[in-house]
N, C-alpha and C. Protein backbone atom coordinates (compact mmCIF):
# COMPACT_ATOMS: atom_id res chain seq x y z
N MET A 1 0.82 -1.19 0.00
CA MET A 1 0.00 0.00 0.00
C MET A 1 0.87 1.26 0.00
N LYS A 2 1.96 1.26 0.82
CA LYS A 2 2.84 2.40 0.85
C LYS A 2 3.47 2.65 -0.52
N LYS A 3 3.82 1.57 -1.21
CA LYS A 3 4.42 1.71 -2.52
C LYS A 3 3.42 2.34 -3.49
N PHE A 4 2.17 1.96 -3.42
CA PHE A 4 1.13 2.52 -4.29
C PHE A 4 0.95 4.02 -4.01
N ILE A 5 0.94 4.41 -2.75
CA ILE A 5 0.77 5.83 -2.38
C ILE A 5 2.01 6.62 -2.84
N SER A 6 3.16 6.08 -2.63
CA SER A 6 4.38 6.77 -3.06
C SER A 6 4.40 6.96 -4.57
N MET A 7 4.04 5.95 -5.32
CA MET A 7 3.99 6.05 -6.77
C MET A 7 2.93 7.04 -7.21
N SER A 8 1.80 7.09 -6.52
CA SER A 8 0.74 8.04 -6.85
C SER A 8 1.20 9.48 -6.61
N ILE A 9 1.86 9.71 -5.51
CA ILE A 9 2.37 11.05 -5.20
C ILE A 9 3.43 11.46 -6.23
N LEU A 10 4.31 10.54 -6.58
CA LEU A 10 5.32 10.81 -7.58
C LEU A 10 4.69 11.15 -8.94
N ALA A 11 3.69 10.39 -9.34
CA ALA A 11 3.01 10.66 -10.60
C ALA A 11 2.29 12.01 -10.54
N PHE A 12 1.64 12.31 -9.41
CA PHE A 12 0.96 13.59 -9.23
C PHE A 12 1.96 14.75 -9.35
N MET A 13 3.10 14.63 -8.68
CA MET A 13 4.10 15.70 -8.73
C MET A 13 4.67 15.87 -10.14
N THR A 14 4.87 14.76 -10.83
CA THR A 14 5.40 14.82 -12.19
C THR A 14 4.45 15.54 -13.13
N VAL A 15 3.16 15.26 -13.01
CA VAL A 15 2.17 15.85 -13.91
C VAL A 15 1.88 17.30 -13.57
N PHE A 16 1.67 17.61 -12.31
CA PHE A 16 1.19 18.93 -11.93
C PHE A 16 2.27 19.94 -11.52
N LEU A 17 3.45 19.51 -11.24
CA LEU A 17 4.50 20.43 -10.85
C LEU A 17 5.56 20.63 -11.93
N ALA A 18 5.33 20.08 -13.10
CA ALA A 18 6.27 20.26 -14.20
C ALA A 18 6.20 21.71 -14.68
N VAL A 19 7.34 22.28 -14.90
CA VAL A 19 7.42 23.66 -15.38
C VAL A 19 7.73 23.61 -16.87
N PRO A 20 6.86 24.22 -17.69
CA PRO A 20 7.15 24.19 -19.13
C PRO A 20 8.36 25.06 -19.45
N ALA A 21 9.16 24.60 -20.39
CA ALA A 21 10.33 25.36 -20.83
C ALA A 21 10.17 25.66 -22.32
N TYR A 22 10.46 26.88 -22.69
CA TYR A 22 10.35 27.30 -24.07
C TYR A 22 11.68 27.85 -24.53
N ALA A 23 12.06 27.50 -25.74
CA ALA A 23 13.28 28.07 -26.32
C ALA A 23 12.94 29.45 -26.85
N ALA A 24 13.61 30.45 -26.34
CA ALA A 24 13.38 31.82 -26.76
C ALA A 24 14.68 32.59 -26.66
N ASN A 25 14.62 33.83 -27.06
CA ASN A 25 15.83 34.64 -27.04
C ASN A 25 16.06 35.28 -25.68
N GLY A 26 15.30 34.90 -24.69
CA GLY A 26 15.53 35.41 -23.34
C GLY A 26 14.68 36.60 -22.98
N SER A 27 13.96 37.13 -23.95
CA SER A 27 13.11 38.28 -23.64
C SER A 27 11.66 37.83 -23.65
N PRO A 28 10.80 38.50 -22.87
CA PRO A 28 9.41 38.11 -22.84
C PRO A 28 8.68 38.42 -24.14
N ASN A 29 9.22 39.29 -24.98
CA ASN A 29 8.60 39.65 -26.25
C ASN A 29 9.39 39.02 -27.39
N ALA A 30 9.31 37.71 -27.48
CA ALA A 30 10.13 37.00 -28.46
C ALA A 30 9.77 37.36 -29.89
N GLY A 31 8.58 37.86 -30.13
CA GLY A 31 8.16 38.21 -31.47
C GLY A 31 8.69 39.55 -31.94
N ILE A 32 9.23 40.37 -31.06
CA ILE A 32 9.73 41.68 -31.42
C ILE A 32 11.17 41.56 -31.88
N GLN A 33 11.48 42.12 -33.04
CA GLN A 33 12.84 42.08 -33.57
C GLN A 33 13.70 43.12 -32.90
N GLY A 34 14.87 42.73 -32.45
CA GLY A 34 15.81 43.65 -31.84
C GLY A 34 16.97 43.92 -32.77
N VAL A 35 17.83 44.80 -32.37
CA VAL A 35 19.01 45.13 -33.15
C VAL A 35 20.10 44.14 -32.80
N ILE A 36 20.68 43.55 -33.82
CA ILE A 36 21.78 42.62 -33.62
C ILE A 36 23.08 43.38 -33.78
N THR A 37 23.90 43.34 -32.77
CA THR A 37 25.17 44.07 -32.79
C THR A 37 26.30 43.06 -32.83
N PRO A 38 27.16 43.15 -33.85
CA PRO A 38 28.30 42.24 -33.88
C PRO A 38 29.24 42.48 -32.70
N GLN A 39 29.84 41.42 -32.22
CA GLN A 39 30.79 41.52 -31.12
C GLN A 39 32.18 41.26 -31.67
N TYR A 40 33.10 42.16 -31.38
CA TYR A 40 34.46 42.05 -31.87
C TYR A 40 35.41 41.85 -30.70
N THR A 41 36.63 41.47 -31.02
CA THR A 41 37.64 41.23 -29.99
C THR A 41 38.23 42.52 -29.46
N TYR A 42 38.60 43.44 -30.36
CA TYR A 42 39.28 44.67 -29.95
C TYR A 42 38.45 45.92 -30.25
N ILE A 43 37.50 45.82 -31.16
CA ILE A 43 36.66 46.97 -31.53
C ILE A 43 35.46 47.02 -30.60
N SER A 44 35.31 48.15 -29.94
CA SER A 44 34.19 48.33 -29.03
C SER A 44 32.95 48.85 -29.76
N THR A 45 33.14 49.81 -30.65
CA THR A 45 32.04 50.45 -31.36
C THR A 45 32.41 50.58 -32.82
N LEU A 46 31.45 50.26 -33.71
CA LEU A 46 31.62 50.51 -35.14
C LEU A 46 30.23 50.76 -35.71
N THR A 47 30.00 51.99 -36.16
CA THR A 47 28.67 52.38 -36.64
C THR A 47 28.80 53.21 -37.91
N PRO A 48 28.17 52.78 -39.02
CA PRO A 48 28.10 53.60 -40.21
C PRO A 48 26.73 54.27 -40.30
N GLY A 49 26.64 55.37 -41.05
CA GLY A 49 25.35 56.02 -41.25
C GLY A 49 25.36 56.88 -42.49
N LEU A 50 24.18 57.01 -43.12
CA LEU A 50 24.05 57.82 -44.33
C LEU A 50 22.64 58.40 -44.40
N GLU A 51 22.58 59.70 -44.64
CA GLU A 51 21.32 60.39 -44.93
C GLU A 51 21.55 61.29 -46.13
N ILE A 52 20.56 61.37 -47.01
CA ILE A 52 20.63 62.27 -48.15
C ILE A 52 19.37 63.12 -48.14
N ASN A 53 19.54 64.45 -48.10
CA ASN A 53 18.37 65.32 -48.06
C ASN A 53 17.86 65.59 -49.48
N SER A 54 16.80 66.36 -49.58
CA SER A 54 16.15 66.61 -50.86
C SER A 54 17.00 67.43 -51.82
N LEU A 55 18.04 68.10 -51.32
CA LEU A 55 18.94 68.90 -52.16
C LEU A 55 20.14 68.10 -52.65
N GLY A 56 20.25 66.84 -52.23
CA GLY A 56 21.36 66.01 -52.67
C GLY A 56 22.55 66.06 -51.75
N THR A 57 22.39 66.58 -50.56
CA THR A 57 23.49 66.60 -49.60
C THR A 57 23.51 65.28 -48.84
N ALA A 58 24.56 64.51 -49.07
CA ALA A 58 24.73 63.24 -48.37
C ALA A 58 25.54 63.50 -47.11
N THR A 59 24.97 63.17 -45.96
CA THR A 59 25.68 63.27 -44.69
C THR A 59 26.18 61.87 -44.35
N CYS A 60 27.49 61.72 -44.36
CA CYS A 60 28.13 60.43 -44.14
C CYS A 60 28.70 60.40 -42.73
N VAL A 61 28.37 59.34 -41.99
CA VAL A 61 28.77 59.24 -40.60
C VAL A 61 29.47 57.92 -40.34
N GLY A 62 30.49 57.98 -39.52
CA GLY A 62 31.15 56.77 -39.03
C GLY A 62 31.66 57.00 -37.62
N ILE A 63 31.48 56.01 -36.77
CA ILE A 63 31.93 56.09 -35.37
C ILE A 63 32.62 54.77 -35.04
N ALA A 64 33.78 54.87 -34.40
CA ALA A 64 34.50 53.66 -34.01
C ALA A 64 35.32 53.93 -32.75
N SER A 65 35.54 52.89 -31.97
CA SER A 65 36.41 52.98 -30.80
C SER A 65 36.90 51.59 -30.43
N ALA A 66 37.93 51.56 -29.60
CA ALA A 66 38.52 50.31 -29.13
C ALA A 66 38.16 50.10 -27.66
N TYR A 67 38.35 48.88 -27.19
CA TYR A 67 38.12 48.58 -25.78
C TYR A 67 39.27 49.06 -24.90
N ASP A 68 40.50 48.81 -25.34
CA ASP A 68 41.68 48.99 -24.51
C ASP A 68 42.21 50.42 -24.61
N SER A 69 42.61 50.98 -23.48
CA SER A 69 43.10 52.36 -23.44
C SER A 69 44.45 52.53 -24.13
N SER A 70 45.18 51.46 -24.36
CA SER A 70 46.49 51.57 -25.01
C SER A 70 46.42 51.36 -26.52
N HIS A 71 45.23 51.09 -27.05
CA HIS A 71 45.09 50.82 -28.48
C HIS A 71 44.71 52.08 -29.25
N THR A 72 45.02 52.08 -30.53
CA THR A 72 44.68 53.17 -31.44
C THR A 72 43.66 52.66 -32.45
N THR A 73 42.62 53.46 -32.69
CA THR A 73 41.59 53.12 -33.67
C THR A 73 41.72 54.05 -34.86
N LYS A 74 41.80 53.48 -36.05
CA LYS A 74 41.80 54.26 -37.28
C LYS A 74 40.50 53.95 -38.02
N LEU A 75 39.75 55.01 -38.30
CA LEU A 75 38.43 54.88 -38.93
C LEU A 75 38.49 55.47 -40.32
N THR A 76 37.95 54.75 -41.28
CA THR A 76 37.79 55.24 -42.64
C THR A 76 36.33 55.13 -43.02
N VAL A 77 35.77 56.22 -43.57
CA VAL A 77 34.39 56.24 -44.04
C VAL A 77 34.43 56.48 -45.54
N GLU A 78 33.77 55.60 -46.28
CA GLU A 78 33.71 55.71 -47.73
C GLU A 78 32.27 55.86 -48.18
N LEU A 79 31.99 56.87 -48.98
CA LEU A 79 30.69 57.01 -49.63
C LEU A 79 30.77 56.25 -50.95
N GLN A 80 29.87 55.29 -51.13
CA GLN A 80 29.91 54.42 -52.29
C GLN A 80 28.61 54.54 -53.09
N LYS A 81 28.74 54.45 -54.43
CA LYS A 81 27.59 54.51 -55.33
C LYS A 81 27.39 53.14 -55.96
N SER A 82 26.11 52.76 -56.14
CA SER A 82 25.80 51.45 -56.71
C SER A 82 26.29 51.37 -58.15
N GLY A 83 26.27 50.16 -58.68
CA GLY A 83 26.83 49.92 -59.99
C GLY A 83 28.28 49.51 -59.83
N GLY A 84 28.52 48.57 -58.92
CA GLY A 84 29.87 48.15 -58.59
C GLY A 84 30.30 48.66 -57.23
N TRP A 85 29.47 49.47 -56.60
CA TRP A 85 29.76 50.08 -55.30
C TRP A 85 31.15 50.71 -55.29
N SER A 86 31.37 51.60 -56.24
CA SER A 86 32.63 52.31 -56.31
C SER A 86 32.65 53.44 -55.28
N THR A 87 33.81 53.67 -54.68
CA THR A 87 33.98 54.73 -53.69
C THR A 87 34.12 56.06 -54.42
N ILE A 88 33.25 57.03 -54.05
CA ILE A 88 33.33 58.35 -54.69
C ILE A 88 33.95 59.40 -53.77
N LYS A 89 33.99 59.12 -52.47
CA LYS A 89 34.60 60.04 -51.51
C LYS A 89 34.93 59.26 -50.25
N SER A 90 36.07 59.60 -49.61
CA SER A 90 36.43 58.94 -48.36
C SER A 90 37.04 59.94 -47.40
N TRP A 91 36.91 59.63 -46.11
CA TRP A 91 37.46 60.45 -45.04
C TRP A 91 38.08 59.50 -44.01
N SER A 92 38.99 60.01 -43.19
CA SER A 92 39.57 59.17 -42.14
C SER A 92 39.78 59.98 -40.88
N ALA A 93 39.83 59.27 -39.76
CA ALA A 93 40.06 59.86 -38.44
C ALA A 93 40.65 58.78 -37.56
N SER A 94 41.23 59.19 -36.44
CA SER A 94 41.78 58.21 -35.50
C SER A 94 41.54 58.67 -34.07
N SER A 95 41.65 57.73 -33.16
CA SER A 95 41.51 58.03 -31.74
C SER A 95 42.34 57.03 -30.96
N THR A 96 42.59 57.34 -29.70
CA THR A 96 43.30 56.41 -28.83
C THR A 96 42.38 55.99 -27.69
N GLY A 97 42.59 54.77 -27.25
CA GLY A 97 41.81 54.25 -26.14
C GLY A 97 40.34 54.10 -26.49
N ALA A 98 39.52 54.33 -25.46
CA ALA A 98 38.08 54.17 -25.63
C ALA A 98 37.40 55.41 -26.19
N SER A 99 38.17 56.46 -26.47
CA SER A 99 37.55 57.65 -27.06
C SER A 99 37.12 57.35 -28.49
N LEU A 100 36.09 58.05 -28.96
CA LEU A 100 35.50 57.77 -30.25
C LEU A 100 36.27 58.44 -31.38
N ALA A 101 36.51 57.68 -32.43
CA ALA A 101 36.93 58.26 -33.70
C ALA A 101 35.62 58.52 -34.43
N ARG A 102 35.38 59.80 -34.77
CA ARG A 102 34.08 60.16 -35.34
C ARG A 102 34.27 60.96 -36.61
N ILE A 103 33.50 60.60 -37.62
CA ILE A 103 33.48 61.33 -38.89
C ILE A 103 32.04 61.66 -39.22
N GLU A 104 31.80 62.93 -39.52
CA GLU A 104 30.49 63.36 -40.02
C GLU A 104 30.76 64.42 -41.07
N GLU A 105 30.62 64.03 -42.34
CA GLU A 105 30.95 64.90 -43.45
C GLU A 105 29.81 64.94 -44.46
N ASP A 106 29.68 66.08 -45.13
CA ASP A 106 28.69 66.26 -46.18
C ASP A 106 29.36 66.18 -47.54
N TYR A 107 28.60 65.65 -48.50
CA TYR A 107 29.09 65.58 -49.87
C TYR A 107 27.87 65.62 -50.79
N TYR A 108 27.94 66.45 -51.81
CA TYR A 108 26.81 66.57 -52.74
C TYR A 108 26.85 65.44 -53.76
N VAL A 109 25.69 64.81 -53.97
CA VAL A 109 25.59 63.66 -54.87
C VAL A 109 24.55 63.92 -55.96
N VAL A 110 24.65 63.16 -57.04
CA VAL A 110 23.65 63.17 -58.10
C VAL A 110 22.69 62.01 -57.84
N ARG A 111 21.64 61.93 -58.64
CA ARG A 111 20.65 60.86 -58.45
C ARG A 111 21.31 59.49 -58.52
N GLY A 112 20.88 58.61 -57.63
CA GLY A 112 21.43 57.25 -57.62
C GLY A 112 21.19 56.59 -56.28
N THR A 113 21.82 55.45 -56.09
CA THR A 113 21.72 54.67 -54.87
C THR A 113 23.10 54.65 -54.20
N TYR A 114 23.10 54.94 -52.91
CA TYR A 114 24.36 55.12 -52.19
C TYR A 114 24.36 54.32 -50.88
N ARG A 115 25.56 54.10 -50.36
CA ARG A 115 25.75 53.53 -49.04
C ARG A 115 27.07 54.05 -48.48
N VAL A 116 27.26 53.87 -47.19
CA VAL A 116 28.52 54.23 -46.53
C VAL A 116 29.15 52.95 -46.00
N CYS A 117 30.45 52.85 -46.19
CA CYS A 117 31.23 51.76 -45.62
C CYS A 117 32.14 52.35 -44.55
N ALA A 118 31.98 51.91 -43.32
CA ALA A 118 32.85 52.35 -42.22
C ALA A 118 33.79 51.20 -41.87
N THR A 119 35.09 51.48 -41.91
CA THR A 119 36.10 50.47 -41.60
C THR A 119 36.91 50.92 -40.40
N ALA A 120 36.97 50.07 -39.38
CA ALA A 120 37.76 50.35 -38.18
C ALA A 120 38.94 49.39 -38.13
N LYS A 121 40.10 49.95 -37.86
CA LYS A 121 41.31 49.15 -37.66
C LYS A 121 41.87 49.52 -36.30
N VAL A 122 42.14 48.50 -35.47
CA VAL A 122 42.67 48.71 -34.13
C VAL A 122 44.10 48.20 -34.09
N TYR A 123 44.97 49.07 -33.59
CA TYR A 123 46.41 48.77 -33.49
C TYR A 123 46.82 48.80 -32.02
N ASN A 124 47.79 47.96 -31.66
CA ASN A 124 48.31 48.01 -30.29
C ASN A 124 49.37 49.11 -30.20
N ALA A 125 49.99 49.26 -29.03
CA ALA A 125 50.94 50.34 -28.78
C ALA A 125 52.18 50.25 -29.67
N SER A 126 52.54 49.06 -30.13
CA SER A 126 53.70 48.92 -31.01
C SER A 126 53.34 49.02 -32.49
N GLY A 127 52.07 49.30 -32.79
CA GLY A 127 51.65 49.50 -34.18
C GLY A 127 51.22 48.26 -34.92
N THR A 128 51.07 47.16 -34.23
CA THR A 128 50.62 45.92 -34.86
C THR A 128 49.10 45.94 -35.03
N LEU A 129 48.63 45.62 -36.23
CA LEU A 129 47.20 45.56 -36.49
C LEU A 129 46.60 44.38 -35.73
N LEU A 130 45.62 44.67 -34.88
CA LEU A 130 44.98 43.63 -34.08
C LEU A 130 43.66 43.16 -34.69
N GLU A 131 42.92 44.10 -35.30
CA GLU A 131 41.61 43.76 -35.85
C GLU A 131 41.21 44.79 -36.88
N SER A 132 40.55 44.33 -37.92
CA SER A 132 40.02 45.20 -38.96
C SER A 132 38.64 44.70 -39.35
N GLN A 133 37.64 45.58 -39.30
CA GLN A 133 36.27 45.21 -39.63
C GLN A 133 35.61 46.34 -40.41
N SER A 134 34.69 45.97 -41.30
CA SER A 134 33.92 46.95 -42.06
C SER A 134 32.44 46.67 -41.89
N LEU A 135 31.66 47.75 -41.80
CA LEU A 135 30.20 47.66 -41.76
C LEU A 135 29.63 48.62 -42.79
N TYR A 136 28.48 48.27 -43.35
CA TYR A 136 27.83 49.09 -44.35
C TYR A 136 26.54 49.67 -43.79
N SER A 137 26.25 50.91 -44.18
CA SER A 137 24.97 51.50 -43.81
C SER A 137 23.88 50.92 -44.69
N ASP A 138 22.65 51.24 -44.38
CA ASP A 138 21.55 50.91 -45.27
C ASP A 138 21.75 51.70 -46.56
N THR A 139 21.25 51.19 -47.67
CA THR A 139 21.34 51.93 -48.93
C THR A 139 20.29 53.04 -48.93
N VAL A 140 20.64 54.15 -49.57
CA VAL A 140 19.74 55.29 -49.67
C VAL A 140 19.61 55.65 -51.15
N ILE A 141 18.37 55.80 -51.61
CA ILE A 141 18.12 56.17 -53.00
C ILE A 141 17.81 57.66 -53.03
N TYR A 142 18.51 58.38 -53.89
CA TYR A 142 18.28 59.81 -54.07
C TYR A 142 17.79 60.05 -55.47
């Protein structure tokens, strides 16, 4: 009789105390799309951006930084036009440590489809290249 009661209690606990588990991304709103940010070894921040106003002024933006205070970040921003994505204008900047290398420049464009390519290169104190990555902005049609 004790064995029957023990088995009944065990079956009851198994059925009614089971906690359902769902595979999700860890957020309660699994249906909402979030921003996916690449993770790099030495690059802390890398962000490209492009806006073109109604007059044809393309504002090209790039932001980059490193994690380590002894590293140097070199940022290059290229404005590219479709049809082979040729570079029509480029700018560069650098920073040390966690401070931001930032570029925000205007350039007048003709009708077409454009994007910005931001490339960050991180160097250590002796000048050795540790990491190089490029990101592209969304394309903009003018």
